[in-house]
Every structure is written in C-alpha cells, then in structure tokens.
Amino acid sequence: MSHVEHDDTLARVREQIVEVSRRTDLSDDSHLAQHLDSMGVMVLVVWIEKTYGFDVEIDDIVPENFLSIDALAAYIDRKRPR
C-alpha cells in the first residue's frame, strides 16, 4: 500500500464519517463510538463493501477496526483487494 493510496483511503473515510455522523469537528483519532450509533456503523459497513469491493465480516466489526478514522482506514487498506 503506497502512502498516496492510504491518504486517499483516509480522505474518503473522513468524508463518509462526516456524512454519517453529521460532525465536522472530528479528528482522525477521535473515538467514533462517541459519535456513531449502531445504525451509523452499519451504514459505514455497507459503504465500505460498495466502495472497496469486499465483504466486511461480522468478526471484523470490532472496536479495534472502527475505533477512529485512522483505524478504519487502516482496516480498509489491509482488507481491500489489490
């Protein structure tokens, strides 16, 4: 994964989080659990699957992967098809 690709993932995740949470004041390390409910998480899961072309497994919907914008972008970069 190149630095440019990761930056693109980070920007896209940030944009989607702002849309779902309706919060514009989040930093990349803000704890998303404080800003997203379970429906928001499911909206993100569907978005990830459509945008990045892989299924988000139920076992992957854990705080470590959805903790922050940084964590979610890193998860996507690990899982997305090359």
Protein backbone atom coordinates (compact mmCIF):
# COMPACT_ATOMS: atom_id res chain seq x y z
CA MET A 1 0.00 0.00 0.00
CA SER A 2 1.52 3.29 -1.05
CA HIS A 3 1.38 6.43 1.03
CA VAL A 4 -0.77 8.08 -1.67
CA GLU A 5 -3.28 5.21 -1.63
CA HIS A 6 -3.50 5.33 2.17
CA ASP A 7 -4.02 9.10 2.10
CA ASP A 8 -6.83 8.60 -0.43
CA THR A 9 -8.47 5.97 1.80
CA LEU A 10 -8.13 8.25 4.81
CA ALA A 11 -9.74 11.17 2.97
CA ARG A 12 -12.62 9.06 1.70
CA VAL A 13 -13.27 7.55 5.14
CA ARG A 14 -13.12 11.00 6.73
CA GLU A 15 -15.68 12.32 4.22
CA GLN A 16 -18.02 9.39 4.83
CA ILE A 17 -17.75 9.69 8.62
CA VAL A 18 -18.66 13.37 8.41
CA GLU A 19 -21.67 12.50 6.26
CA VAL A 20 -22.87 9.72 8.57
CA SER A 21 -22.18 11.46 11.87
CA ARG A 22 -23.03 14.98 10.69
CA ARG A 23 -19.98 16.12 12.67
CA THR A 24 -17.32 18.28 11.04
CA ASP A 25 -15.14 18.66 14.12
CA LEU A 26 -13.72 15.13 14.26
CA SER A 27 -10.01 14.49 14.09
CA ASP A 28 -8.56 11.34 12.57
CA ASP A 29 -8.04 9.89 16.04
CA SER A 30 -11.43 10.85 17.55
CA HIS A 31 -13.21 7.89 19.12
CA LEU A 32 -16.04 7.11 16.71
CA ALA A 33 -18.09 5.25 19.32
CA GLN A 34 -18.85 8.63 20.85
CA HIS A 35 -20.26 9.90 17.55
CA LEU A 36 -21.84 6.90 15.78
CA ASP A 37 -24.67 4.66 16.82
CA SER A 38 -25.15 1.09 15.59
CA MET A 39 -27.08 2.27 12.53
CA GLY A 40 -24.19 4.59 11.65
CA VAL A 41 -21.77 1.67 11.87
CA MET A 42 -23.98 -0.40 9.56
CA VAL A 43 -24.15 2.48 7.07
CA LEU A 44 -20.34 2.53 7.10
CA VAL A 45 -20.19 -1.24 6.59
CA VAL A 46 -22.43 -1.04 3.50
CA TRP A 47 -20.40 1.91 2.19
CA ILE A 48 -17.11 0.02 2.67
CA GLU A 49 -18.46 -3.04 0.87
CA LYS A 50 -19.76 -0.99 -2.09
CA THR A 51 -16.77 1.33 -2.31
CA TYR A 52 -13.91 -1.09 -1.74
CA GLY A 53 -15.33 -4.34 -3.09
CA PHE A 54 -15.00 -6.68 -0.15
CA ASP A 55 -17.36 -8.10 2.45
CA VAL A 56 -16.93 -6.80 5.98
CA GLU A 57 -17.13 -9.91 8.13
CA ILE A 58 -19.15 -9.74 11.34
CA ASP A 59 -15.98 -10.66 13.26
CA ASP A 60 -14.30 -7.56 11.81
CA ILE A 61 -16.89 -5.16 13.26
CA VAL A 62 -14.90 -4.64 16.44
CA PRO A 63 -13.66 -1.53 18.25
CA GLU A 64 -10.10 -2.06 17.02
CA ASN A 65 -11.22 -1.62 13.40
CA PHE A 66 -13.89 1.05 13.97
CA LEU A 67 -12.22 2.98 16.80
CA SER A 68 -11.28 6.05 14.75
CA ILE A 69 -10.97 7.36 11.21
CA ASP A 70 -7.31 6.25 11.26
CA ALA A 71 -8.22 2.75 12.45
CA LEU A 72 -10.99 2.35 9.88
CA ALA A 73 -8.75 3.49 7.02
CA ALA A 74 -6.04 1.06 8.15
CA TYR A 75 -8.59 -1.78 8.29
CA ILE A 76 -9.78 -0.99 4.76
CA ASP A 77 -6.21 -0.85 3.47
CA ARG A 78 -5.48 -4.27 5.00
CA LYS A 79 -8.61 -5.95 3.65
CA ARG A 80 -9.25 -4.41 0.25
CA PRO A 81 -8.46 -6.43 -2.85
CA ARG A 82 -5.36 -5.47 -4.77
